[in-house]
Amino acid sequence: MKAARMSAPQTFEFFEMDTPTPADGEILLKVQQVSVCGSDTHMFYDQVLPEEMYPGRPGAPCHEIAGTVVESRAASINVGQRAIVLSSFRNPDALGGLVEYINIPENMVMPVPDDRGLDEWLMCQPMGTVMFATKLWGPTAGLRIGVVGQGAIGLSFTNLATLQGAAQVVGIDLLDYRLEKSKEMGATDTVNPDNVDPHEAIAEITNGKGLDVVVDASGDPEGLNQAISYVNQYGKVLGFSLIKMNSIIPFQHMAWMGKVATLIPCSSVTSPDPTGDIKEIISLMDRGWVDPSKLITHHMTFDDVPQAYEMYSKQQDGIIKAVMAVNGGG
């Protein structure tokens, strides 16, 4: 089968490899749609990794994957079932999503309905990780929430906070095209810190009431410090950003102490049920309550993998989410 992997910093190679055979408790998925997560670029594509890490794992970095089950050795999953699947980036033997076929454990398979395109259902994966995080700030109704960074994850926070009844949702980003998308996803207000003093703007927008919750979804090493500077005293700061592994970032300790702010790290993949909230978003999308497919801005092909990652890295062409069709899509 055809596969792709990183062969050097910001460089992909395509190659042929054997199609995997599923073990007991696994399924074999015909991959049909994949997408890029910000973590794929921040933590891998944009970094110069140790020389021994090249070439990378087959199919990596990519964990947003959807397709059709073509072989099943799992009791609860049938051949022909369409599904979103999660691949582990911690398992050195696990394939990433940039492959034509992938074997996945039963507990990481999330069936999706037969209607709509797999590209649309695939967007439930990133929004599901955000659903997990929104539960950590408590009841949403009446809160004033700021979201630093309006990429796909930040926009998902904006959308879910709005749908859950936040009094105000403020999208904060340096790129105007993302702020336009933020309004489309439900933001009541937007702030571009390149154009205005963000603290003054937030005070004006909220009539001096400030932000009860601030989410750092920026992918910027300084994002957490910025979020603390924006939040109200005794407020909550959710940290969703992933940055370079082993990074040591100066932390504005006294600013945090002065705010008496609660810091909440968010990582659904390390939770006891990493698929639960994704399944919840799948159900809510099926009912028409939420539509994560609004995140998609580009449709591409498997051959376009190098271009797609470069677009994400350089934030080109108004990109939010590019979905790449594999095996003809579906």
C-alpha atoms as a PDB file:
ATOM      1  CA  MET A   1       0.000   0.000   0.000  1.00  0.00           C
ATOM      2  CA  LYS A   2       0.997   3.636  -0.421  1.00  0.00           C
ATOM      3  CA  ALA A   3       2.127   5.539   2.664  1.00  0.00           C
ATOM      4  CA  ALA A   4       3.742   8.852   3.583  1.00  0.00           C
ATOM      5  CA  ARG A   5       6.058   9.879   6.424  1.00  0.00           C
ATOM      6  CA  MET A   6       8.399  12.675   7.418  1.00  0.00           C
ATOM      7  CA  SER A   7      11.900  12.048   6.052  1.00  0.00           C
ATOM      8  CA  ALA A   8      13.447  15.342   7.237  1.00  0.00           C
ATOM      9  CA  PRO A   9      12.231  18.609   8.802  1.00  0.00           C
ATOM     10  CA  GLN A  10       9.227  19.881   6.817  1.00  0.00           C
ATOM     11  CA  THR A  11       9.755  17.125   4.253  1.00  0.00           C
ATOM     12  CA  PHE A  12       7.562  14.158   3.363  1.00  0.00           C
ATOM     13  CA  GLU A  13       8.334  11.068   1.333  1.00  0.00           C
ATOM     14  CA  PHE A  14       5.898   8.606  -0.244  1.00  0.00           C
ATOM     15  CA  PHE A  15       6.746   4.918  -0.266  1.00  0.00           C
ATOM     16  CA  GLU A  16       5.215   1.455  -0.551  1.00  0.00           C
ATOM     17  CA  MET A  17       4.771  -0.856   2.441  1.00  0.00           C
ATOM     18  CA  ASP A  18       2.854  -4.020   3.286  1.00  0.00           C
ATOM     19  CA  THR A  19      -0.807  -3.666   4.160  1.00  0.00           C
ATOM     20  CA  PRO A  20      -1.139  -4.416   7.892  1.00  0.00           C
ATOM     21  CA  THR A  21      -2.984  -7.453   9.209  1.00  0.00           C
ATOM     22  CA  PRO A  22      -5.326  -6.780  12.133  1.00  0.00           C
ATOM     23  CA  ALA A  23      -4.663  -8.693  15.348  1.00  0.00           C
ATOM     24  CA  ASP A  24      -7.367 -10.054  17.646  1.00  0.00           C
ATOM     25  CA  GLY A  25      -9.464  -7.144  18.879  1.00  0.00           C
ATOM     26  CA  GLU A  26      -8.484  -4.915  15.937  1.00  0.00           C
ATOM     27  CA  ILE A  27     -10.058  -3.800  12.681  1.00  0.00           C
ATOM     28  CA  LEU A  28      -8.504  -2.964   9.322  1.00  0.00           C
ATOM     29  CA  LEU A  29      -9.706   0.399   8.043  1.00  0.00           C
ATOM     30  CA  LYS A  30      -9.630   1.519   4.437  1.00  0.00           C
ATOM     31  CA  VAL A  31      -8.541   5.120   4.990  1.00  0.00           C
ATOM     32  CA  GLN A  32     -10.626   7.571   2.956  1.00  0.00           C
ATOM     33  CA  GLN A  33     -10.278  10.975   4.628  1.00  0.00           C
ATOM     34  CA  VAL A  34      -7.505  12.456   6.786  1.00  0.00           C
ATOM     35  CA  SER A  35      -6.756  15.910   8.156  1.00  0.00           C
ATOM     36  CA  VAL A  36      -3.945  17.778   9.892  1.00  0.00           C
ATOM     37  CA  CYS A  37      -4.083  18.763  13.562  1.00  0.00           C
ATOM     38  CA  GLY A  38      -2.173  21.754  14.895  1.00  0.00           C
ATOM     39  CA  SER A  39      -0.228  19.366  17.108  1.00  0.00           C
ATOM     40  CA  ASP A  40       1.099  17.650  13.960  1.00  0.00           C
ATOM     41  CA  THR A  41       2.720  20.893  12.844  1.00  0.00           C
ATOM     42  CA  HIS A  42       3.680  22.444  16.215  1.00  0.00           C
ATOM     43  CA  MET A  43       5.232  19.298  17.665  1.00  0.00           C
ATOM     44  CA  PHE A  44       6.596  17.510  14.609  1.00  0.00           C
ATOM     45  CA  TYR A  45       6.490  19.189  11.186  1.00  0.00           C
ATOM     46  CA  ASP A  46       7.855  22.557  12.346  1.00  0.00           C
ATOM     47  CA  GLN A  47      10.520  21.069  14.612  1.00  0.00           C
ATOM     48  CA  VAL A  48      14.023  19.853  13.899  1.00  0.00           C
ATOM     49  CA  LEU A  49      13.842  16.477  15.610  1.00  0.00           C
ATOM     50  CA  PRO A  50      16.837  14.336  16.589  1.00  0.00           C
ATOM     51  CA  GLU A  51      18.477  12.772  13.553  1.00  0.00           C
ATOM     52  CA  GLU A  52      17.526   9.248  14.639  1.00  0.00           C
ATOM     53  CA  MET A  53      13.826  10.161  14.403  1.00  0.00           C
ATOM     54  CA  TYR A  54      14.053  10.430  10.603  1.00  0.00           C
ATOM     55  CA  PRO A  55      12.472   8.886   8.714  1.00  0.00           C
ATOM     56  CA  GLY A  56       9.460   8.984  11.000  1.00  0.00           C
ATOM     57  CA  ARG A  57       6.812   6.380  11.667  1.00  0.00           C
ATOM     58  CA  PRO A  58       4.854   5.334   8.565  1.00  0.00           C
ATOM     59  CA  GLY A  59       1.776   7.527   8.274  1.00  0.00           C
ATOM     60  CA  ALA A  60       2.902  10.060  10.877  1.00  0.00           C
ATOM     61  CA  PRO A  61       2.275  12.713  11.946  1.00  0.00           C
ATOM     62  CA  CYS A  62      -1.494  12.302  11.458  1.00  0.00           C
ATOM     63  CA  HIS A  63      -4.197  11.121  13.849  1.00  0.00           C
ATOM     64  CA  GLU A  64      -7.383  12.525  12.283  1.00  0.00           C
ATOM     65  CA  ILE A  65      -8.565   9.555  10.244  1.00  0.00           C
ATOM     66  CA  ALA A  66     -11.856   8.282   8.809  1.00  0.00           C
ATOM     67  CA  GLY A  67     -12.716   5.425   6.504  1.00  0.00           C
ATOM     68  CA  THR A  68     -14.530   2.106   6.096  1.00  0.00           C
ATOM     69  CA  VAL A  69     -13.876  -1.166   7.929  1.00  0.00           C
ATOM     70  CA  VAL A  70     -12.746  -3.843   5.452  1.00  0.00           C
ATOM     71  CA  GLU A  71     -11.746  -6.523   7.957  1.00  0.00           C
ATOM     72  CA  SER A  72     -12.787  -6.988  11.570  1.00  0.00           C
ATOM     73  CA  ARG A  73     -11.444  -9.146  14.356  1.00  0.00           C
ATOM     74  CA  ALA A  74     -13.402  -7.087  16.891  1.00  0.00           C
ATOM     75  CA  ALA A  75     -16.726  -8.320  18.240  1.00  0.00           C
ATOM     76  CA  SER A  76     -18.560  -4.977  18.143  1.00  0.00           C
ATOM     77  CA  ILE A  77     -17.400  -3.675  14.736  1.00  0.00           C
ATOM     78  CA  ASN A  78     -18.704  -5.025  11.436  1.00  0.00           C
ATOM     79  CA  VAL A  79     -17.165  -4.996   7.977  1.00  0.00           C
ATOM     80  CA  GLY A  80     -18.621  -2.126   5.949  1.00  0.00           C
ATOM     81  CA  GLN A  81     -18.987   0.158   8.977  1.00  0.00           C
ATOM     82  CA  ARG A  82     -17.804   3.725   8.407  1.00  0.00           C
ATOM     83  CA  ALA A  83     -15.834   5.134  11.298  1.00  0.00           C
ATOM     84  CA  ILE A  84     -13.482   7.711  12.746  1.00  0.00           C
ATOM     85  CA  VAL A  85     -10.445   6.117  14.386  1.00  0.00           C
ATOM     86  CA  LEU A  86      -7.704   7.266  16.742  1.00  0.00           C
ATOM     87  CA  SER A  87      -4.099   6.249  16.205  1.00  0.00           C
ATOM     88  CA  SER A  88      -1.595   6.443  19.055  1.00  0.00           C
ATOM     89  CA  PHE A  89       1.401   8.753  18.595  1.00  0.00           C
ATOM     90  CA  ARG A  90       2.959   7.263  21.737  1.00  0.00           C
ATOM     91  CA  ASN A  91       3.167   3.723  20.343  1.00  0.00           C
ATOM     92  CA  PRO A  92       6.300   3.512  18.149  1.00  0.00           C
ATOM     93  CA  ASP A  93       4.801   0.559  16.262  1.00  0.00           C
ATOM     94  CA  ALA A  94       1.436   2.182  15.506  1.00  0.00           C
ATOM     95  CA  LEU A  95       0.811   3.561  12.035  1.00  0.00           C
ATOM     96  CA  GLY A  96      -0.166   7.166  11.555  1.00  0.00           C
ATOM     97  CA  GLY A  97      -3.048   8.153   9.300  1.00  0.00           C
ATOM     98  CA  LEU A  98      -1.089   8.919   6.114  1.00  0.00           C
ATOM     99  CA  VAL A  99      -1.586   5.395   4.784  1.00  0.00           C
ATOM    100  CA  GLU A 100      -4.105   3.633   2.586  1.00  0.00           C
ATOM    101  CA  TYR A 101      -4.979   1.035   5.259  1.00  0.00           C
ATOM    102  CA  ILE A 102      -4.545   1.066   9.037  1.00  0.00           C
ATOM    103  CA  ASN A 103      -5.113  -1.433  11.852  1.00  0.00           C
ATOM    104  CA  ILE A 104      -6.766   0.023  14.958  1.00  0.00           C
ATOM    105  CA  PRO A 105      -7.824  -1.447  18.329  1.00  0.00           C
ATOM    106  CA  GLU A 106     -11.578  -1.855  18.812  1.00  0.00           C
ATOM    107  CA  ASN A 107     -11.745   0.709  21.627  1.00  0.00           C
ATOM    108  CA  MET A 108     -10.379   3.431  19.341  1.00  0.00           C
ATOM    109  CA  VAL A 109     -13.019   2.969  16.630  1.00  0.00           C
ATOM    110  CA  MET A 110     -15.979   5.391  16.535  1.00  0.00           C
ATOM    111  CA  PRO A 111     -18.732   4.416  14.071  1.00  0.00           C
ATOM    112  CA  VAL A 112     -20.483   7.198  12.150  1.00  0.00           C
ATOM    113  CA  PRO A 113     -23.829   7.252  10.308  1.00  0.00           C
ATOM    114  CA  ASP A 114     -24.087   6.405   6.620  1.00  0.00           C
ATOM    115  CA  ASP A 115     -25.308   9.838   5.524  1.00  0.00           C
ATOM    116  CA  ARG A 116     -23.040  12.827   4.818  1.00  0.00           C
ATOM    117  CA  GLY A 117     -19.442  12.596   3.669  1.00  0.00           C
ATOM    118  CA  LEU A 118     -16.689  11.104   5.776  1.00  0.00           C
ATOM    119  CA  ASP A 119     -14.862  14.427   5.465  1.00  0.00           C
ATOM    120  CA  GLU A 120     -17.693  16.065   7.432  1.00  0.00           C
ATOM    121  CA  TRP A 121     -17.825  13.363  10.115  1.00  0.00           C
ATOM    122  CA  LEU A 122     -14.046  13.528  10.503  1.00  0.00           C
ATOM    123  CA  MET A 123     -14.369  17.033  11.959  1.00  0.00           C
ATOM    124  CA  CYS A 124     -16.102  15.481  14.981  1.00  0.00           C
ATOM    125  CA  GLN A 125     -12.667  14.263  16.089  1.00  0.00           C
ATOM    126  CA  PRO A 126     -11.095  17.684  16.849  1.00  0.00           C
ATOM    127  CA  MET A 127     -14.376  19.113  18.133  1.00  0.00           C
ATOM    128  CA  GLY A 128     -14.812  16.101  20.397  1.00  0.00           C
ATOM    129  CA  THR A 129     -11.510  16.829  22.134  1.00  0.00           C
ATOM    130  CA  VAL A 130     -12.815  20.358  22.738  1.00  0.00           C
ATOM    131  CA  MET A 131     -16.109  19.044  24.102  1.00  0.00           C
ATOM    132  CA  PHE A 132     -14.061  17.177  26.709  1.00  0.00           C
ATOM    133  CA  ALA A 133     -12.312  20.426  27.672  1.00  0.00           C
ATOM    134  CA  THR A 134     -15.458  22.570  27.897  1.00  0.00           C
ATOM    135  CA  LYS A 135     -16.754  20.304  30.675  1.00  0.00           C
ATOM    136  CA  LEU A 136     -13.763  21.313  32.791  1.00  0.00           C
ATOM    137  CA  TRP A 137     -14.835  24.941  33.172  1.00  0.00           C
ATOM    138  CA  GLY A 138     -18.206  23.954  34.669  1.00  0.00           C
ATOM    139  CA  PRO A 139     -21.678  25.218  33.654  1.00  0.00           C
ATOM    140  CA  THR A 140     -21.347  27.547  30.668  1.00  0.00           C
ATOM    141  CA  ALA A 141     -24.545  29.602  30.837  1.00  0.00           C
ATOM    142  CA  GLY A 142     -23.865  33.217  31.735  1.00  0.00           C
ATOM    143  CA  LEU A 143     -20.070  33.030  31.478  1.00  0.00           C
ATOM    144  CA  ARG A 144     -17.952  35.496  29.533  1.00  0.00           C
ATOM    145  CA  ILE A 145     -15.394  33.380  27.704  1.00  0.00           C
ATOM    146  CA  GLY A 146     -12.318  34.420  25.739  1.00  0.00           C
ATOM    147  CA  VAL A 147     -10.562  32.071  23.328  1.00  0.00           C
ATOM    148  CA  VAL A 148      -6.965  32.892  22.409  1.00  0.00           C
ATOM    149  CA  GLY A 149      -6.275  31.429  18.984  1.00  0.00           C
ATOM    150  CA  GLN A 150      -8.959  30.887  16.359  1.00  0.00           C
ATOM    151  CA  GLY A 151      -7.616  27.920  14.476  1.00  0.00           C
ATOM    152  CA  ALA A 152      -9.751  24.781  14.277  1.00  0.00           C
ATOM    153  CA  ILE A 153      -9.486  24.055  18.007  1.00  0.00           C
ATOM    154  CA  GLY A 154     -10.102  27.653  19.085  1.00  0.00           C
ATOM    155  CA  LEU A 155     -13.051  27.911  16.709  1.00  0.00           C
ATOM    156  CA  SER A 156     -14.470  24.703  18.176  1.00  0.00           C
ATOM    157  CA  PHE A 157     -14.252  26.267  21.640  1.00  0.00           C
ATOM    158  CA  THR A 158     -15.966  29.376  20.297  1.00  0.00           C
ATOM    159  CA  ASN A 159     -18.743  27.338  18.713  1.00  0.00           C
ATOM    160  CA  LEU A 160     -19.411  25.071  21.690  1.00  0.00           C
ATOM    161  CA  ALA A 161     -19.273  27.916  24.221  1.00  0.00           C
ATOM    162  CA  THR A 162     -21.865  29.774  22.152  1.00  0.00           C
ATOM    163  CA  LEU A 163     -24.143  26.744  21.802  1.00  0.00           C
ATOM    164  CA  GLN A 164     -23.822  26.004  25.531  1.00  0.00           C
ATOM    165  CA  GLY A 165     -25.162  29.441  26.434  1.00  0.00           C
ATOM    166  CA  ALA A 166     -22.186  31.657  27.248  1.00  0.00           C
ATOM    167  CA  ALA A 167     -23.168  35.292  27.763  1.00  0.00           C
ATOM    168  CA  GLN A 168     -20.278  36.477  25.588  1.00  0.00           C
ATOM    169  CA  VAL A 169     -17.649  34.659  23.546  1.00  0.00           C
ATOM    170  CA  VAL A 170     -14.614  36.693  22.497  1.00  0.00           C
ATOM    171  CA  GLY A 171     -12.389  35.287  19.737  1.00  0.00           C
ATOM    172  CA  ILE A 172      -8.786  36.538  19.968  1.00  0.00           C
ATOM    173  CA  ASP A 173      -6.338  36.076  17.095  1.00  0.00           C
ATOM    174  CA  LEU A 174      -3.728  37.928  15.036  1.00  0.00           C
ATOM    175  CA  LEU A 175      -5.228  36.851  11.678  1.00  0.00           C
ATOM    176  CA  ASP A 176      -8.317  38.677  10.457  1.00  0.00           C
ATOM    177  CA  TYR A 177      -9.532  35.783   8.300  1.00  0.00           C
ATOM    178  CA  ARG A 178      -9.707  33.640  11.418  1.00  0.00           C
ATOM    179  CA  LEU A 179     -11.629  36.340  13.260  1.00  0.00           C
ATOM    180  CA  GLU A 180     -14.156  36.436  10.427  1.00  0.00           C
ATOM    181  CA  LYS A 181     -14.572  32.680  10.791  1.00  0.00           C
ATOM    182  CA  SER A 182     -14.895  33.154  14.542  1.00  0.00           C
ATOM    183  CA  LYS A 183     -18.000  35.267  14.041  1.00  0.00           C
ATOM    184  CA  GLU A 184     -19.404  32.616  11.731  1.00  0.00           C
ATOM    185  CA  MET A 185     -18.878  30.036  14.495  1.00  0.00           C
ATOM    186  CA  GLY A 186     -20.735  32.158  17.035  1.00  0.00           C
ATOM    187  CA  ALA A 187     -18.331  34.678  18.595  1.00  0.00           C
ATOM    188  CA  THR A 188     -20.131  37.712  19.930  1.00  0.00           C
ATOM    189  CA  ASP A 189     -16.968  39.805  19.608  1.00  0.00           C
ATOM    190  CA  THR A 190     -13.425  39.519  18.225  1.00  0.00           C
ATOM    191  CA  VAL A 191     -10.093  41.107  19.105  1.00  0.00           C
ATOM    192  CA  ASN A 192      -6.915  41.371  17.046  1.00  0.00           C
ATOM    193  CA  PRO A 193      -4.082  42.310  19.471  1.00  0.00           C
ATOM    194  CA  ASP A 194      -2.071  43.643  16.532  1.00  0.00           C
ATOM    195  CA  ASN A 195      -4.685  46.341  15.996  1.00  0.00           C
ATOM    196  CA  VAL A 196      -5.851  47.248  19.525  1.00  0.00           C
ATOM    197  CA  ASP A 197      -4.760  46.932  23.120  1.00  0.00           C
ATOM    198  CA  PRO A 198      -6.413  43.591  23.967  1.00  0.00           C
ATOM    199  CA  HIS A 199      -6.939  44.424  27.653  1.00  0.00           C
ATOM    200  CA  GLU A 200      -8.668  47.704  26.814  1.00  0.00           C
ATOM    201  CA  ALA A 201     -10.718  46.010  24.091  1.00  0.00           C
ATOM    202  CA  ILE A 202     -11.867  43.228  26.430  1.00  0.00           C
ATOM    203  CA  ALA A 203     -12.850  45.771  29.084  1.00  0.00           C
ATOM    204  CA  GLU A 204     -14.878  47.740  26.530  1.00  0.00           C
ATOM    205  CA  ILE A 205     -16.515  44.658  25.002  1.00  0.00           C
ATOM    206  CA  THR A 206     -17.599  43.306  28.397  1.00  0.00           C
ATOM    207  CA  ASN A 207     -18.595  46.683  29.892  1.00  0.00           C
ATOM    208  CA  GLY A 208     -15.839  46.306  32.438  1.00  0.00           C
ATOM    209  CA  LYS A 209     -16.964  42.847  33.582  1.00  0.00           C
ATOM    210  CA  GLY A 210     -14.008  41.033  32.015  1.00  0.00           C
ATOM    211  CA  LEU A 211     -13.619  37.374  31.126  1.00  0.00           C
ATOM    212  CA  ASP A 212     -14.543  34.594  33.533  1.00  0.00           C
ATOM    213  CA  VAL A 213     -12.795  31.905  31.470  1.00  0.00           C
ATOM    214  CA  VAL A 214      -9.934  32.216  28.995  1.00  0.00           C
ATOM    215  CA  VAL A 215      -8.818  29.341  26.781  1.00  0.00           C
ATOM    216  CA  ASP A 216      -5.297  29.167  25.386  1.00  0.00           C
ATOM    217  CA  ALA A 217      -5.665  27.494  21.999  1.00  0.00           C
ATOM    218  CA  SER A 218      -2.950  29.577  20.360  1.00  0.00           C
ATOM    219  CA  GLY A 219      -0.135  27.067  19.948  1.00  0.00           C
ATOM    220  CA  ASP A 220       2.115  29.932  21.075  1.00  0.00           C
ATOM    221  CA  PRO A 221       4.553  29.302  23.942  1.00  0.00           C
ATOM    222  CA  GLU A 222       3.473  32.673  25.372  1.00  0.00           C
ATOM    223  CA  GLY A 223      -0.217  31.860  25.046  1.00  0.00           C
ATOM    224  CA  LEU A 224      -0.662  30.734  28.638  1.00  0.00           C
ATOM    225  CA  ASN A 225       0.817  33.959  30.016  1.00  0.00           C
ATOM    226  CA  GLN A 226      -1.432  35.961  27.706  1.00  0.00           C
ATOM    227  CA  ALA A 227      -4.495  34.024  28.831  1.00  0.00           C
ATOM    228  CA  ILE A 228      -3.674  34.713  32.489  1.00  0.00           C
ATOM    229  CA  SER A 229      -3.342  38.412  31.737  1.00  0.00           C
ATOM    230  CA  TYR A 230      -6.828  38.442  30.135  1.00  0.00           C
ATOM    231  CA  VAL A 231      -8.797  36.474  32.747  1.00  0.00           C
ATOM    232  CA  ASN A 232     -10.707  37.940  35.682  1.00  0.00           C
ATOM    233  CA  GLN A 233      -9.457  37.572  39.225  1.00  0.00           C
ATOM    234  CA  TYR A 234     -10.509  34.132  40.510  1.00  0.00           C
ATOM    235  CA  GLY A 235     -11.229  33.122  36.909  1.00  0.00           C
ATOM    236  CA  LYS A 236     -10.274  29.928  35.073  1.00  0.00           C
ATOM    237  CA  VAL A 237      -7.636  29.421  32.366  1.00  0.00           C
ATOM    238  CA  LEU A 238      -7.797  26.310  30.186  1.00  0.00           C
ATOM    239  CA  GLY A 239      -4.547  25.289  28.546  1.00  0.00           C
ATOM    240  CA  PHE A 240      -5.118  23.428  25.290  1.00  0.00           C
ATOM    241  CA  SER A 241      -2.001  24.441  23.357  1.00  0.00           C
ATOM    242  CA  LEU A 242       0.617  21.871  22.431  1.00  0.00           C
ATOM    243  CA  ILE A 243       4.126  23.181  21.915  1.00  0.00           C
ATOM    244  CA  LYS A 244       7.539  21.623  21.362  1.00  0.00           C
ATOM    245  CA  MET A 245       8.232  18.694  23.657  1.00  0.00           C
ATOM    246  CA  ASN A 246      10.659  19.420  26.504  1.00  0.00           C
ATOM    247  CA  SER A 247      10.141  23.176  26.075  1.00  0.00           C
ATOM    248  CA  ILE A 248      10.814  25.304  29.149  1.00  0.00           C
ATOM    249  CA  ILE A 249       8.744  28.480  28.968  1.00  0.00           C
ATOM    250  CA  PRO A 250       9.123  31.436  31.386  1.00  0.00           C
ATOM    251  CA  PHE A 251       5.943  31.600  33.454  1.00  0.00           C
ATOM    252  CA  GLN A 252       4.684  34.906  34.841  1.00  0.00           C
ATOM    253  CA  HIS A 253       4.187  33.507  38.290  1.00  0.00           C
ATOM    254  CA  MET A 254       3.281  36.716  40.111  1.00  0.00           C
ATOM    255  CA  ALA A 255       0.695  37.653  37.484  1.00  0.00           C
ATOM    256  CA  TRP A 256      -0.945  34.274  38.081  1.00  0.00           C
ATOM    257  CA  MET A 257      -0.759  34.701  41.843  1.00  0.00           C
ATOM    258  CA  GLY A 258      -2.346  38.130  41.576  1.00  0.00           C
ATOM    259  CA  LYS A 259      -5.223  36.754  39.558  1.00  0.00           C
ATOM    260  CA  VAL A 260      -5.662  33.761  41.896  1.00  0.00           C
ATOM    261  CA  ALA A 261      -6.592  31.991  38.678  1.00  0.00           C
ATOM    262  CA  THR A 262      -7.282  28.274  38.337  1.00  0.00           C
ATOM    263  CA  LEU A 263      -5.142  26.659  35.633  1.00  0.00           C
ATOM    264  CA  ILE A 264      -6.682  23.619  33.944  1.00  0.00           C
ATOM    265  CA  PRO A 265      -4.654  21.531  31.457  1.00  0.00           C
ATOM    266  CA  CYS A 266      -6.816  19.764  28.865  1.00  0.00           C
ATOM    267  CA  SER A 267      -5.893  16.455  27.248  1.00  0.00           C
ATOM    268  CA  SER A 268      -8.702  14.121  26.262  1.00  0.00           C
ATOM    269  CA  VAL A 269      -6.296  11.556  24.808  1.00  0.00           C
ATOM    270  CA  THR A 270      -4.961  10.818  28.305  1.00  0.00           C
ATOM    271  CA  SER A 271      -8.441  10.638  29.853  1.00  0.00           C
ATOM    272  CA  PRO A 272      -9.990   7.305  30.881  1.00  0.00           C
ATOM    273  CA  ASP A 273     -12.291   7.490  27.822  1.00  0.00           C
ATOM    274  CA  PRO A 274     -10.543   9.270  24.924  1.00  0.00           C
ATOM    275  CA  THR A 275     -13.316   8.461  22.444  1.00  0.00           C
ATOM    276  CA  GLY A 276     -16.331   9.296  24.614  1.00  0.00           C
ATOM    277  CA  ASP A 277     -16.641  12.993  23.808  1.00  0.00           C
ATOM    278  CA  ILE A 278     -15.964  12.415  20.106  1.00  0.00           C
ATOM    279  CA  LYS A 279     -18.851   9.952  20.077  1.00  0.00           C
ATOM    280  CA  GLU A 280     -20.958  12.598  21.823  1.00  0.00           C
ATOM    281  CA  ILE A 281     -20.200  15.129  19.078  1.00  0.00           C
ATOM    282  CA  ILE A 282     -21.016  12.496  16.432  1.00  0.00           C
ATOM    283  CA  SER A 283     -24.414  12.025  18.088  1.00  0.00           C
ATOM    284  CA  LEU A 284     -25.018  15.773  18.375  1.00  0.00           C
ATOM    285  CA  MET A 285     -24.064  16.311  14.734  1.00  0.00           C
ATOM    286  CA  ASP A 286     -26.432  13.504  13.729  1.00  0.00           C
ATOM    287  CA  ARG A 287     -29.202  15.324  15.632  1.00  0.00           C
ATOM    288  CA  GLY A 288     -28.352  18.656  13.976  1.00  0.00           C
ATOM    289  CA  TRP A 289     -27.269  20.421  17.180  1.00  0.00           C
ATOM    290  CA  VAL A 290     -23.710  21.122  15.975  1.00  0.00           C
ATOM    291  CA  ASP A 291     -21.962  21.097  12.598  1.00  0.00           C
ATOM    292  CA  PRO A 292     -18.174  20.688  12.855  1.00  0.00           C
ATOM    293  CA  SER A 293     -17.913  20.448   9.063  1.00  0.00           C
ATOM    294  CA  LYS A 294     -18.030  24.268   9.008  1.00  0.00           C
ATOM    295  CA  LEU A 295     -14.334  24.080   9.940  1.00  0.00           C
ATOM    296  CA  ILE A 296     -13.398  22.684   6.504  1.00  0.00           C
ATOM    297  CA  THR A 297     -11.874  25.240   4.164  1.00  0.00           C
ATOM    298  CA  HIS A 298      -9.944  23.027   1.710  1.00  0.00           C
ATOM    299  CA  HIS A 299     -10.417  19.669   0.007  1.00  0.00           C
ATOM    300  CA  MET A 300      -7.219  18.037  -1.240  1.00  0.00           C
ATOM    301  CA  THR A 301      -5.858  14.590  -2.141  1.00  0.00           C
ATOM    302  CA  PHE A 302      -3.346  12.174  -0.635  1.00  0.00           C
ATOM    303  CA  ASP A 303      -0.751  13.412  -3.118  1.00  0.00           C
ATOM    304  CA  ASP A 304      -1.203  16.905  -1.665  1.00  0.00           C
ATOM    305  CA  VAL A 305       0.069  15.927   1.816  1.00  0.00           C
ATOM    306  CA  PRO A 306       3.295  18.011   1.557  1.00  0.00           C
ATOM    307  CA  GLN A 307       1.348  21.045   0.367  1.00  0.00           C
ATOM    308  CA  ALA A 308      -1.300  20.669   3.084  1.00  0.00           C
ATOM    309  CA  TYR A 309       1.249  20.581   5.913  1.00  0.00           C
ATOM    310  CA  GLU A 310       3.082  23.587   4.483  1.00  0.00           C
ATOM    311  CA  MET A 311      -0.204  25.501   4.281  1.00  0.00           C
ATOM    312  CA  TYR A 312      -0.928  24.736   7.930  1.00  0.00           C
ATOM    313  CA  SER A 313       2.580  25.656   8.993  1.00  0.00           C
ATOM    314  CA  LYS A 314       2.573  28.980   7.153  1.00  0.00           C
ATOM    315  CA  GLN A 315      -1.170  29.692   7.593  1.00  0.00           C
ATOM    316  CA  GLN A 316      -1.633  30.147   3.861  1.00  0.00           C
ATOM    317  CA  ASP A 317      -4.730  30.663   1.722  1.00  0.00           C
ATOM    318  CA  GLY A 318      -7.148  31.188   4.611  1.00  0.00           C
ATOM    319  CA  ILE A 319      -6.711  27.646   5.862  1.00  0.00           C
ATOM    320  CA  ILE A 320      -8.611  26.361   8.879  1.00  0.00           C
ATOM    321  CA  LYS A 321      -9.028  22.666   8.022  1.00  0.00           C
ATOM    322  CA  ALA A 322      -7.919  20.806   4.905  1.00  0.00           C
ATOM    323  CA  VAL A 323      -9.300  17.313   4.375  1.00  0.00           C
ATOM    324  CA  MET A 324      -7.325  14.980   2.107  1.00  0.00           C
ATOM    325  CA  ALA A 325      -9.090  12.204   0.203  1.00  0.00           C
ATOM    326  CA  VAL A 326      -7.370   8.796   0.278  1.00  0.00           C
ATOM    327  CA  ASN A 327      -8.465   5.767  -1.780  1.00  0.00           C
ATOM    328  CA  GLY A 328     -10.880   7.998  -3.694  1.00  0.00           C
ATOM    329  CA  GLY A 329     -12.431   9.541  -0.593  1.00  0.00           C
ATOM    330  CA  GLY A 330     -15.909   8.709   0.655  1.00  0.00           C
END
